[in-house]
Amino acid sequence: MSDIPTLRRILSECRTIAVVGLSADWFRPSFFAAKYLQEHGYRIVPVNPRYQRILDQDCYPTLSAIPFPVDMVDVFRKTADVLPIAQQAVEIGAKCLWQQLGVVNEEAQALVRGHGLDSVTDRCVKIEHARLFGGLNWVGVNTRIVSARRPRQLPY
């Protein structure tokens, strides 16, 4: 479900987020979204077998390797890769499976919903948090300057 009250509840309750497919490259969308969430008080748990640490956090090769509870599994992988991730999310006792923009695996969604997890598809956690909790000003979206002219220097 992706109605506003449900999204608000999920983002309020799910404070530990395992980000599957998180990249250590600062220019990747997964890194930017995870950094935004980290800056807004969420505990980010990187899940990517290619790295040891991302965003100053230990990185785990799989969800099942995480030694503490995870509230949300945020998936930055292609649609075909989501079902095994959803199965692991159920096994570790996550509360929510969140499939990022462009990722919609109906079979994975049915699996997690059948086990009582919340499921969100084709949405970005960062965008939804910013939209629902007032973070659209992060990285200069709301500069309070109404002008078509580019400033000579940034105001900060």
Protein backbone atom coordinates (compact mmCIF):
# COMPACT_ATOMS: atom_id res chain seq x y z
CA MET A 1 0.00 0.00 0.00
CA SER A 2 1.25 3.46 -0.71
CA ASP A 3 -1.39 5.85 0.59
CA ILE A 4 -0.12 8.81 2.61
CA PRO A 5 -1.12 7.58 6.10
CA THR A 6 0.52 4.19 5.44
CA LEU A 7 3.72 5.76 4.11
CA ARG A 8 3.87 8.10 7.12
CA ARG A 9 3.41 5.17 9.50
CA ILE A 10 6.09 3.08 7.77
CA LEU A 11 8.60 5.93 7.73
CA SER A 12 7.86 6.74 11.38
CA GLU A 13 8.08 3.18 12.68
CA CYS A 14 10.88 1.73 10.54
CA ARG A 15 14.04 3.37 11.90
CA THR A 16 16.61 0.69 10.94
CA ILE A 17 16.83 0.29 7.18
CA ALA A 18 18.84 -2.37 5.36
CA VAL A 19 19.66 -0.97 1.92
CA VAL A 20 20.22 -3.87 -0.47
CA GLY A 21 22.41 -2.83 -3.39
CA LEU A 22 23.77 0.27 -1.67
CA SER A 23 26.75 1.61 -3.61
CA ALA A 24 29.82 3.28 -2.11
CA ASP A 25 29.92 5.67 -5.09
CA TRP A 26 28.67 9.08 -3.91
CA PHE A 27 27.00 9.82 -7.25
CA ARG A 28 24.74 6.74 -7.25
CA PRO A 29 21.07 7.19 -6.26
CA SER A 30 21.33 4.49 -3.58
CA PHE A 31 24.17 6.37 -1.85
CA PHE A 32 22.36 9.70 -2.00
CA ALA A 33 19.10 8.24 -0.63
CA ALA A 34 20.90 6.37 2.17
CA LYS A 35 22.94 9.43 3.14
CA TYR A 36 19.77 11.54 3.24
CA LEU A 37 18.05 9.00 5.51
CA GLN A 38 21.12 8.73 7.72
CA GLU A 39 21.20 12.52 8.08
CA HIS A 40 17.55 12.38 9.14
CA GLY A 41 18.09 9.95 12.02
CA TYR A 42 17.66 6.55 10.39
CA ARG A 43 20.11 3.73 11.02
CA ILE A 44 21.37 2.61 7.62
CA VAL A 45 22.63 -0.96 7.19
CA PRO A 46 24.47 -1.42 3.87
CA VAL A 47 23.94 -4.78 2.16
CA ASN A 48 26.40 -5.33 -0.70
CA PRO A 49 29.00 -8.12 -0.92
CA ARG A 50 31.43 -5.84 -2.82
CA TYR A 51 32.23 -3.53 0.11
CA GLN A 52 33.41 -3.69 3.72
CA ARG A 53 32.02 -0.30 4.81
CA ILE A 54 29.71 2.33 3.33
CA LEU A 55 28.69 5.61 5.01
CA ASP A 56 30.86 4.67 8.00
CA GLN A 57 28.74 1.56 8.60
CA ASP A 58 29.73 -2.10 8.36
CA CYS A 59 28.49 -3.62 5.11
CA TYR A 60 26.93 -7.09 5.04
CA PRO A 61 26.91 -9.52 2.10
CA THR A 62 23.28 -10.61 2.68
CA LEU A 63 20.32 -9.72 4.86
CA SER A 64 20.74 -12.94 6.84
CA ALA A 65 24.29 -11.88 7.83
CA ILE A 66 23.00 -8.83 9.75
CA PRO A 67 23.34 -9.65 13.49
CA PHE A 68 20.59 -7.30 14.75
CA PRO A 69 16.93 -6.59 13.91
CA VAL A 70 16.07 -4.65 10.76
CA ASP A 71 12.77 -2.80 10.32
CA MET A 72 12.79 -2.11 6.58
CA VAL A 73 14.49 -3.68 3.59
CA ASP A 74 15.01 -1.05 0.88
CA VAL A 75 15.82 -2.67 -2.47
CA PHE A 76 18.07 -1.00 -5.03
CA ARG A 77 18.23 -4.00 -7.35
CA LYS A 78 16.54 -4.95 -10.60
CA THR A 79 13.04 -6.40 -10.47
CA ALA A 80 14.20 -9.95 -11.26
CA ASP A 81 16.44 -9.96 -8.15
CA VAL A 82 13.75 -8.96 -5.64
CA LEU A 83 12.06 -12.30 -4.83
CA PRO A 84 15.04 -13.89 -3.00
CA ILE A 85 15.53 -10.58 -1.15
CA ALA A 86 11.87 -10.64 -0.14
CA GLN A 87 12.27 -14.20 1.15
CA GLN A 88 15.25 -13.11 3.26
CA ALA A 89 13.28 -10.09 4.53
CA VAL A 90 10.58 -12.45 5.80
CA GLU A 91 13.19 -14.77 7.37
CA ILE A 92 14.92 -11.96 9.31
CA GLY A 93 11.62 -10.56 10.58
CA ALA A 94 11.63 -7.22 8.76
CA LYS A 95 8.45 -5.14 8.94
CA CYS A 96 8.54 -3.69 5.42
CA LEU A 97 9.88 -4.44 1.94
CA TRP A 98 10.39 -1.24 -0.07
CA GLN A 99 11.07 -1.54 -3.80
CA GLN A 100 12.66 1.59 -5.26
CA LEU A 101 11.55 3.61 -8.29
CA GLY A 102 11.19 1.38 -11.34
CA VAL A 103 11.20 -1.81 -9.26
CA VAL A 104 7.91 -3.72 -9.09
CA ASN A 105 8.03 -7.45 -8.37
CA GLU A 106 4.44 -8.57 -7.79
CA GLU A 107 5.46 -12.05 -6.63
CA ALA A 108 7.75 -10.58 -3.95
CA GLN A 109 5.02 -8.17 -2.92
CA ALA A 110 2.49 -11.01 -2.54
CA LEU A 111 5.02 -13.05 -0.54
CA VAL A 112 5.78 -10.34 2.02
CA ARG A 113 2.16 -9.27 2.35
CA GLY A 114 1.21 -12.90 2.92
CA HIS A 115 3.62 -12.88 5.88
CA GLY A 116 2.22 -9.64 7.32
CA LEU A 117 4.90 -7.23 6.11
CA ASP A 118 4.16 -3.84 4.62
CA SER A 119 5.11 -3.55 0.96
CA VAL A 120 5.84 -0.45 -1.10
CA THR A 121 6.74 -0.62 -4.78
CA ASP A 122 8.01 1.85 -7.37
CA ARG A 123 8.72 4.63 -4.85
CA CYS A 124 11.87 6.21 -3.44
CA VAL A 125 12.23 6.29 0.35
CA LYS A 126 14.13 9.58 0.19
CA ILE A 127 11.54 11.28 -2.01
CA GLU A 128 8.64 10.04 0.09
CA HIS A 129 10.31 11.09 3.35
CA ALA A 130 11.05 14.53 1.94
CA ARG A 131 7.50 14.88 0.60
CA LEU A 132 5.79 13.75 3.79
CA PHE A 133 8.12 15.15 6.46
CA GLY A 134 9.35 18.41 4.93
CA GLY A 135 12.78 17.48 3.64
CA LEU A 136 12.44 18.91 0.15
CA ASN A 137 14.79 21.73 1.12
CA TRP A 138 17.70 19.28 1.51
CA VAL A 139 20.41 20.00 -1.07
CA GLY A 140 18.92 23.31 -2.06
CA VAL A 141 15.51 22.44 -3.45
CA ASN A 142 13.89 25.14 -1.30
CA THR A 143 16.37 28.02 -1.35
CA ARG A 144 13.71 30.66 -0.55
CA ILE A 145 14.94 32.55 -3.59
CA VAL A 146 12.47 33.03 -6.41
CA SER A 147 14.58 33.93 -9.42
CA ALA A 148 15.52 32.63 -12.83
CA ARG A 149 19.03 34.03 -12.42
CA ARG A 150 21.82 31.82 -11.14
CA PRO A 151 23.44 33.24 -7.97
CA ARG A 152 27.11 34.25 -8.25
CA GLN A 153 27.85 32.34 -5.07
CA LEU A 154 25.86 30.02 -2.89
CA PRO A 155 24.22 31.63 0.18
CA TYR A 156 25.88 29.24 2.65
